[in-house]
């Protein structure tokens, strides 16, 4: 049985069992449905399998002279890392991959983890994200909102040849199908360009080969939709549509939180959201000589946090991952059915053609520079000037 197979883990996760109420209502976690009465163990394992990124301390100073901890300011960056990590897990290991403590994991898993270690040469490290944020108008050590994190991920992904993601961040609450297809089917960089900038982020990409960039085809899509679901509080009219997004098989959850805290929302039960909380400060962890990572601090083995959906701050960003074009087509169908059925006050819009009054859509490409991208790229598209003002946590 499932329980006997995972007996040790269930013992570790026993706190979970007391946290969830007795209910017949299903729990939805990133596109998967769980029933507390019959498969609580699967639910707990599903939650603990998510990569959990928190505040860290004792890493090398950002920019050489900056902070060596992100406690108090890096929570939304950590949530962005968690959402992106979930996309990479789906890309390489599949949505139903499970993590078991002390079990040997595939090389791809450790390679994913290495992308997020707190080192300046890791492509999605706190160092790279904080420095790329400078181009978005954010000082190192300043709090990021959901849209800024989305813009930073979009730019850093251009340097990540191993994962070869197409990152689309929607504008004006509108997702344009034509633009996404253009971006995901855009020809990869030529090998000459790849070679001319091969030294760029070489160590950050873990000595990645450029083979992924030479294969024509659909680039796996990370779709991020920044939204404002109300003025000071979430408008109840959006709640059903917001919850519906967690049911979609392409779901990567949502970035958001309360005015003092950023959280990574991964699902819901009734009118409560389930989230991973980055507000725990742990020590920096580096990879071993053989490339593996001691991963026990990267999986949350405590009771999952829940909050009432009406307490959610209205500034959020939804995430979705479409590995193949058929996944995106399916997502479009689900949005048409579940999100666009409302005639007014839709959560976001999905349109076929690029709006004629918008600037032309040009798929982003990696700049040819001779230093790290995070230091040189300047913002070319500050789509949302206003972020919700959040208070910096005292440390």
Protein backbone atom coordinates (compact mmCIF):
# COMPACT_ATOMS: atom_id res chain seq x y z
CA UNK A 1 0.00 0.00 0.00
CA UNK A 2 1.01 3.61 -0.37
CA UNK A 3 1.15 4.06 3.39
CA UNK A 4 3.50 1.16 3.99
CA UNK A 5 5.69 2.13 1.05
CA UNK A 6 6.23 5.60 2.48
CA UNK A 7 6.04 4.73 6.17
CA UNK A 8 9.20 6.59 7.12
CA UNK A 9 8.17 9.74 5.32
CA UNK A 10 4.69 9.67 6.77
CA UNK A 11 6.23 9.52 10.24
CA UNK A 12 8.28 12.61 9.43
CA UNK A 13 5.20 14.31 8.02
CA UNK A 14 2.86 13.35 10.85
CA UNK A 15 2.32 17.02 11.66
CA UNK A 16 0.56 17.34 8.34
CA UNK A 17 -2.14 14.91 9.41
CA UNK A 18 -3.29 17.10 12.26
CA UNK A 19 -3.30 20.22 10.12
CA UNK A 20 -5.84 19.27 7.47
CA UNK A 21 -9.48 19.19 8.56
CA UNK A 22 -11.69 16.17 8.08
CA UNK A 23 -13.57 16.98 4.91
CA UNK A 24 -14.92 15.42 1.74
CA UNK A 25 -13.81 18.42 -0.29
CA UNK A 26 -10.92 17.72 -2.68
CA UNK A 27 -7.53 19.37 -2.28
CA UNK A 28 -6.01 20.70 -5.50
CA UNK A 29 -2.21 20.95 -5.79
CA UNK A 30 -0.73 22.22 -9.07
CA UNK A 31 -3.25 20.48 -11.31
CA UNK A 32 -3.62 17.32 -9.26
CA UNK A 33 -6.65 16.43 -7.17
CA UNK A 34 -6.28 14.71 -3.79
CA UNK A 35 -8.90 13.38 -1.38
CA UNK A 36 -8.06 13.65 2.30
CA UNK A 37 -10.24 10.69 3.21
CA UNK A 38 -8.56 8.21 0.89
CA UNK A 39 -5.14 9.39 -0.23
CA UNK A 40 -3.83 11.81 2.37
CA UNK A 41 -0.38 10.23 2.12
CA UNK A 42 -0.15 11.01 -1.59
CA UNK A 43 -1.13 14.60 -0.87
CA UNK A 44 1.61 15.00 1.72
CA UNK A 45 4.23 13.52 -0.55
CA UNK A 46 3.10 15.72 -3.40
CA UNK A 47 3.57 18.84 -1.27
CA UNK A 48 6.94 17.80 0.14
CA UNK A 49 8.24 17.05 -3.38
CA UNK A 50 8.06 20.74 -4.33
CA UNK A 51 11.40 22.52 -4.19
CA UNK A 52 11.33 24.95 -1.27
CA UNK A 53 13.57 28.01 -1.39
CA UNK A 54 13.91 30.18 1.69
CA UNK A 55 15.98 33.04 3.01
CA UNK A 56 19.65 32.03 3.28
CA UNK A 57 22.62 33.48 5.13
CA UNK A 58 26.41 33.23 4.81
CA UNK A 59 26.54 33.23 1.03
CA UNK A 60 29.14 35.30 -0.85
CA UNK A 61 28.22 39.02 -0.84
CA UNK A 62 26.02 39.99 -3.79
CA UNK A 63 28.03 42.09 -6.24
CA UNK A 64 31.15 41.53 -4.11
CA UNK A 65 30.26 44.12 -1.49
CA UNK A 66 26.50 43.68 -1.07
CA UNK A 67 24.43 41.63 1.41
CA UNK A 68 25.40 38.06 2.30
CA UNK A 69 21.85 37.21 3.37
CA UNK A 70 18.48 37.93 1.76
CA UNK A 71 16.55 37.74 5.04
CA UNK A 72 13.95 40.51 5.13
CA UNK A 73 13.96 41.36 1.42
CA UNK A 74 14.33 38.27 -0.77
CA UNK A 75 11.02 36.52 -0.16
CA UNK A 76 9.44 37.25 -3.56
CA UNK A 77 12.69 36.29 -5.30
CA UNK A 78 12.56 32.95 -3.47
CA UNK A 79 8.93 32.48 -4.53
CA UNK A 80 9.91 33.17 -8.13
CA UNK A 81 12.66 30.58 -7.80
CA UNK A 82 10.11 28.05 -6.50
CA UNK A 83 7.74 28.65 -9.42
CA UNK A 84 10.55 28.35 -11.97
CA UNK A 85 11.93 25.23 -10.24
CA UNK A 86 8.52 23.61 -10.55
CA UNK A 87 8.59 24.34 -14.29
CA UNK A 88 12.03 22.71 -14.57
CA UNK A 89 10.88 19.68 -12.59
CA UNK A 90 7.95 19.29 -15.02
CA UNK A 91 10.29 19.77 -17.97
CA UNK A 92 12.88 17.17 -16.98
CA UNK A 93 11.27 14.81 -14.44
CA UNK A 94 7.53 15.17 -15.03
CA UNK A 95 4.75 16.56 -12.85
CA UNK A 96 4.29 13.25 -11.01
CA UNK A 97 7.94 12.86 -9.98
CA UNK A 98 8.20 12.26 -6.25
CA UNK A 99 10.95 13.11 -3.83
CA UNK A 100 11.96 10.65 -1.12
CA UNK A 101 14.44 11.57 1.55
CA UNK A 102 17.80 9.78 1.24
CA UNK A 103 16.75 8.23 -2.08
CA UNK A 104 19.19 8.65 -4.96
CA UNK A 105 17.74 11.13 -7.41
CA UNK A 106 18.47 11.45 -11.15
CA UNK A 107 21.24 13.75 -12.35
CA UNK A 108 18.66 16.14 -13.84
CA UNK A 109 17.28 16.77 -10.35
CA UNK A 110 20.68 17.83 -8.97
CA UNK A 111 21.30 19.90 -12.07
CA UNK A 112 18.01 21.73 -11.48
CA UNK A 113 19.00 22.39 -7.86
CA UNK A 114 22.39 23.73 -8.94
CA UNK A 115 20.64 26.38 -11.04
CA UNK A 116 19.34 27.96 -7.82
CA UNK A 117 22.28 27.72 -5.41
CA UNK A 118 23.28 31.02 -3.78
CA UNK A 119 26.34 31.62 -5.94
CA UNK A 120 26.97 34.30 -8.52
CA UNK A 121 27.77 31.64 -11.13
CA UNK A 122 24.40 29.85 -10.84
CA UNK A 123 21.95 31.06 -13.45
CA UNK A 124 18.91 31.62 -11.20
CA UNK A 125 20.72 32.40 -7.95
CA UNK A 126 19.68 35.18 -5.59
CA UNK A 127 22.81 36.98 -6.88
CA UNK A 128 21.72 36.87 -10.51
CA UNK A 129 18.11 37.78 -9.72
CA UNK A 130 19.03 40.71 -7.46
CA UNK A 131 21.51 42.10 -9.98
CA UNK A 132 19.14 41.67 -12.90
CA UNK A 133 16.57 43.57 -10.85
CA UNK A 134 18.79 46.64 -11.02
CA UNK A 135 17.78 46.92 -14.69
CA UNK A 136 14.17 46.85 -13.54
CA UNK A 137 14.74 49.80 -11.24
CA UNK A 138 15.23 47.81 -8.03
CA UNK A 139 18.25 48.31 -5.81
CA UNK A 140 19.98 45.22 -4.43
CA UNK A 141 18.29 44.52 -1.12
CA UNK A 142 15.03 46.13 -2.21
CA UNK A 143 11.78 44.18 -2.16
CA UNK A 144 10.47 42.92 -5.52
CA UNK A 145 6.81 42.62 -6.48
CA UNK A 146 5.41 39.73 -8.56
CA UNK A 147 5.74 41.47 -11.93
CA UNK A 148 9.36 42.52 -11.34
CA UNK A 149 10.28 38.93 -10.49
CA UNK A 150 8.56 37.75 -13.67
CA UNK A 151 10.53 40.26 -15.78
CA UNK A 152 13.80 39.19 -14.11
CA UNK A 153 13.11 35.48 -14.80
CA UNK A 154 12.30 36.30 -18.42
CA UNK A 155 15.69 37.98 -18.88
CA UNK A 156 17.75 35.38 -17.00
CA UNK A 157 16.16 32.55 -19.01
CA UNK A 158 17.82 33.95 -22.15
CA UNK A 159 21.18 32.79 -20.74
CA UNK A 160 19.96 29.29 -19.80
CA UNK A 161 20.74 27.10 -22.78
CA UNK A 162 20.20 23.81 -20.97
CA UNK A 163 16.52 24.40 -20.21
CA UNK A 164 15.89 26.52 -23.32
CA UNK A 165 12.67 28.00 -21.96
CA UNK A 166 10.49 30.56 -23.67
CA UNK A 167 9.30 32.89 -20.91
CA UNK A 168 6.22 34.97 -21.73
CA UNK A 169 5.05 37.61 -19.27
CA UNK A 170 1.60 38.91 -20.16
CA UNK A 171 0.93 42.62 -20.58
CA UNK A 172 -2.23 44.52 -19.61
CA UNK A 173 -3.95 41.36 -18.30
CA UNK A 174 -3.90 39.94 -21.84
CA UNK A 175 -2.33 36.74 -23.17
CA UNK A 176 -1.75 36.80 -26.95
CA UNK A 177 -1.76 33.34 -28.56
CA UNK A 178 -0.08 34.56 -31.77
CA UNK A 179 2.86 36.05 -29.84
CA UNK A 180 3.40 32.94 -27.74
CA UNK A 181 3.43 30.67 -30.79
CA UNK A 182 5.83 33.04 -32.52
CA UNK A 183 8.16 32.97 -29.49
CA UNK A 184 8.00 29.22 -28.88
CA UNK A 185 8.55 28.37 -32.54
CA UNK A 186 11.20 31.03 -33.12
CA UNK A 187 14.42 29.54 -34.57
CA UNK A 188 17.15 28.88 -32.04
CA UNK A 189 20.31 30.94 -32.02
CA UNK A 190 22.75 30.02 -34.75
CA UNK A 191 25.75 28.05 -33.61
CA UNK A 192 28.06 30.97 -34.53
CA UNK A 193 26.24 33.25 -32.13
CA UNK A 194 26.18 30.51 -29.54
CA UNK A 195 29.94 30.07 -29.89
CA UNK A 196 30.69 33.78 -29.86
CA UNK A 197 29.04 34.14 -26.49
CA UNK A 198 29.78 30.63 -25.24
CA UNK A 199 31.89 31.94 -22.38
CA UNK A 200 28.95 34.05 -21.17
CA UNK A 201 27.42 32.49 -18.09
CA UNK A 202 29.36 29.32 -18.85
CA UNK A 203 29.80 28.47 -15.20
CA UNK A 204 26.36 29.80 -14.37
CA UNK A 205 24.87 27.25 -16.73
CA UNK A 206 26.88 24.39 -15.29
CA UNK A 207 29.04 23.96 -18.42
CA UNK A 208 25.91 23.45 -20.49
CA UNK A 209 26.25 22.40 -24.09
CA UNK A 210 24.33 24.38 -26.69
CA UNK A 211 22.66 21.31 -28.17
CA UNK A 212 19.28 22.27 -26.75
CA UNK A 213 19.50 25.53 -28.67
CA UNK A 214 20.26 23.78 -31.98
CA UNK A 215 17.15 21.60 -32.10
CA UNK A 216 14.30 23.26 -33.94
CA UNK A 217 10.87 22.80 -32.43
CA UNK A 218 8.61 24.07 -29.72
CA UNK A 219 10.47 25.73 -26.86
CA UNK A 220 8.92 24.73 -23.51
CA UNK A 221 6.80 27.66 -22.34
CA UNK A 222 6.84 29.34 -18.93
CA UNK A 223 3.78 31.60 -18.99
CA UNK A 224 3.47 34.20 -16.21
CA UNK A 225 0.39 36.41 -15.87
CA UNK A 226 0.80 39.33 -13.43
CA UNK A 227 -2.62 40.48 -12.21
CA UNK A 228 -4.24 42.97 -9.89
CA UNK A 229 -7.40 41.34 -8.56
CA UNK A 230 -8.73 44.36 -6.69
CA UNK A 231 -7.61 47.67 -5.25
CA UNK A 232 -6.78 47.05 -1.59
CA UNK A 233 -8.41 43.63 -1.25
CA UNK A 234 -9.17 40.81 -3.65
CA UNK A 235 -12.50 41.27 -5.41
CA UNK A 236 -14.67 38.21 -4.60
CA UNK A 237 -15.78 38.06 -8.23
CA UNK A 238 -12.33 36.68 -9.15
CA UNK A 239 -12.13 33.90 -6.55
CA UNK A 240 -13.66 31.05 -8.55
CA UNK A 241 -11.51 31.80 -11.60
CA UNK A 242 -8.39 32.11 -9.44
CA UNK A 243 -9.05 28.70 -7.87
CA UNK A 244 -9.79 27.21 -11.28
CA UNK A 245 -6.22 27.96 -12.35
CA UNK A 246 -4.85 25.55 -9.71
CA UNK A 247 -6.92 22.75 -11.29
CA UNK A 248 -5.29 23.10 -14.70
CA UNK A 249 -2.65 20.44 -15.43
CA UNK A 250 -0.32 23.21 -16.61
CA UNK A 251 -0.52 25.03 -13.25
CA UNK A 252 2.64 26.34 -11.60
CA UNK A 253 0.62 28.06 -8.85
CA UNK A 254 0.86 31.74 -8.06
CA UNK A 255 3.17 34.34 -6.56
CA UNK A 256 1.60 36.68 -4.05
CA UNK A 257 0.90 36.99 -0.39
CA UNK A 258 -0.07 39.50 2.23
CA UNK A 259 1.25 43.06 2.45
CA UNK A 260 4.25 42.05 4.59
CA UNK A 261 5.05 38.66 3.09
CA UNK A 262 5.45 36.95 -0.28
CA UNK A 263 4.29 33.35 -0.61
CA UNK A 264 4.28 30.66 -3.29
CA UNK A 265 0.72 29.37 -3.60
CA UNK A 266 0.49 25.78 -4.84
CA UNK A 267 -3.16 24.87 -4.31
CA UNK A 268 -6.34 25.21 -2.33
CA UNK A 269 -8.86 23.44 -0.12
CA UNK A 270 -12.29 25.06 -0.08
CA UNK A 271 -11.72 28.77 0.43
CA UNK A 272 -8.21 28.37 1.83
CA UNK A 273 -5.04 28.63 -0.23
CA UNK A 274 -2.13 26.26 0.43
CA UNK A 275 1.33 27.82 0.15
CA UNK A 276 5.03 27.38 0.71
CA UNK A 277 6.55 30.04 2.95
CA UNK A 278 10.09 31.32 2.26
CA UNK A 279 10.36 33.19 5.58
CA UNK A 280 12.76 30.77 7.26
CA UNK A 281 16.47 31.64 7.30
CA UNK A 282 18.79 28.70 6.60
CA UNK A 283 22.52 28.55 5.99
CA UNK A 284 23.99 28.55 2.48
CA UNK A 285 24.33 25.10 0.92
CA UNK A 286 26.81 24.42 -1.90
CA UNK A 287 27.07 21.43 -4.22
CA UNK A 288 29.37 18.53 -3.41
CA UNK A 289 32.47 17.76 -5.47
CA UNK A 290 30.53 15.17 -7.47
CA UNK A 291 27.84 17.74 -8.35
CA UNK A 292 25.15 16.44 -6.03
CA UNK A 293 23.41 18.75 -3.56
CA UNK A 294 22.50 17.95 0.05
CA UNK A 295 18.83 18.61 -0.55
CA UNK A 296 17.13 18.08 2.79
CA UNK A 297 16.82 21.84 3.38
CA UNK A 298 15.24 22.32 -0.05
CA UNK A 299 12.05 20.40 0.75
CA UNK A 300 9.53 21.59 3.31
CA UNK A 301 8.71 18.80 5.74
CA UNK A 302 6.55 20.85 8.06
CA UNK A 303 2.82 21.28 8.11
CA UNK A 304 1.70 23.16 4.98
CA UNK A 305 0.54 26.70 5.52
CA UNK A 306 -2.99 27.78 4.66
CA UNK A 307 -4.65 31.17 4.50
CA UNK A 308 -8.15 32.33 3.66
CA UNK A 309 -8.33 33.40 0.06
CA UNK A 310 -9.97 36.71 0.99
CA UNK A 311 -6.79 37.61 2.91
CA UNK A 312 -4.73 37.41 -0.27
CA UNK A 313 -3.17 40.66 -1.42
CA UNK A 314 -4.65 41.53 -4.85
CA UNK A 315 -1.21 41.82 -6.54
CA UNK A 316 -0.40 38.29 -7.82
CA UNK A 317 1.23 36.48 -10.72
CA UNK A 318 -0.13 33.20 -12.09
CA UNK A 319 2.27 30.66 -13.58
CA UNK A 320 1.75 27.90 -16.14
CA UNK A 321 4.10 25.47 -17.91
CA UNK A 322 3.45 24.06 -21.38
CA UNK A 323 6.13 21.58 -22.40
CA UNK A 324 4.61 20.91 -25.82
CA UNK A 325 2.42 22.94 -28.12
CA UNK A 326 -0.50 20.60 -27.41
CA UNK A 327 -0.20 21.53 -23.69
CA UNK A 328 -0.57 25.20 -24.61
CA UNK A 329 -3.52 24.49 -26.91
CA UNK A 330 -5.17 22.55 -24.09
CA UNK A 331 -4.52 25.43 -21.69
CA UNK A 332 -6.17 27.86 -24.13
CA UNK A 333 -9.23 25.60 -24.28
CA UNK A 334 -9.45 25.43 -20.48
CA UNK A 335 -9.15 29.22 -20.22
CA UNK A 336 -11.90 29.69 -22.80
CA UNK A 337 -14.13 27.33 -20.84
CA UNK A 338 -13.38 28.36 -17.26
CA UNK A 339 -11.96 31.91 -17.24
CA UNK A 340 -13.60 33.62 -20.23
CA UNK A 341 -17.11 32.33 -19.48
CA UNK A 342 -17.63 35.44 -17.36
CA UNK A 343 -18.96 38.20 -19.57
CA UNK A 344 -17.59 40.99 -17.39
CA UNK A 345 -14.79 41.39 -14.87
CA UNK A 346 -12.76 38.55 -16.32
CA UNK A 347 -9.56 37.78 -14.46
CA UNK A 348 -7.54 38.11 -17.68
CA UNK A 349 -8.11 38.02 -21.43
CA UNK A 350 -6.92 35.50 -24.02
CA UNK A 351 -6.81 36.78 -27.60
CA UNK A 352 -5.70 35.18 -30.85
CA UNK A 353 -4.08 38.17 -32.56
CA UNK A 354 -1.56 40.76 -31.40
CA UNK A 355 -3.49 43.97 -30.56
CA UNK A 356 -2.84 46.50 -33.37
CA UNK A 357 -2.30 49.41 -30.95
CA UNK A 358 0.50 47.56 -29.11
CA UNK A 359 4.16 47.83 -30.13
CA UNK A 360 5.22 44.97 -32.44
CA UNK A 361 6.06 41.71 -30.65
CA UNK A 362 9.70 40.71 -31.05
CA UNK A 363 10.76 37.43 -29.37
CA UNK A 364 13.57 38.21 -26.92
CA UNK A 365 17.06 36.98 -27.74
CA UNK A 366 20.23 36.68 -25.70
CA UNK A 367 22.33 39.84 -25.91
CA UNK A 368 25.87 39.42 -27.19
CA UNK A 369 27.83 40.71 -24.23
CA UNK A 370 31.13 39.81 -22.68
CA UNK A 371 30.20 39.88 -19.02
CA UNK A 372 27.38 38.46 -16.95
CA UNK A 373 23.97 39.33 -18.28
CA UNK A 374 22.76 40.46 -14.89
CA UNK A 375 25.31 43.25 -14.79
CA UNK A 376 24.68 44.65 -18.26
CA UNK A 377 21.12 44.16 -19.40
CA UNK A 378 19.02 47.23 -18.98
CA UNK A 379 15.26 47.17 -18.82
CA UNK A 380 13.68 47.32 -22.25
CA UNK A 381 10.13 46.79 -21.19
CA UNK A 382 8.99 48.18 -17.87
CA UNK A 383 5.45 47.10 -18.50
CA UNK A 384 4.13 47.80 -15.03
CA UNK A 385 5.61 50.82 -13.31
CA UNK A 386 3.63 50.40 -10.12
CA UNK A 387 4.26 47.55 -7.73
CA UNK A 388 2.30 47.16 -4.54
CA UNK A 389 4.23 48.84 -1.75
CA UNK A 390 5.22 46.12 0.66
CA UNK A 391 6.85 46.63 3.99
CA UNK A 392 10.34 45.22 4.48
CA UNK A 393 10.40 42.61 7.22
CA UNK A 394 12.62 43.38 10.16
CA UNK A 395 15.31 40.76 10.65
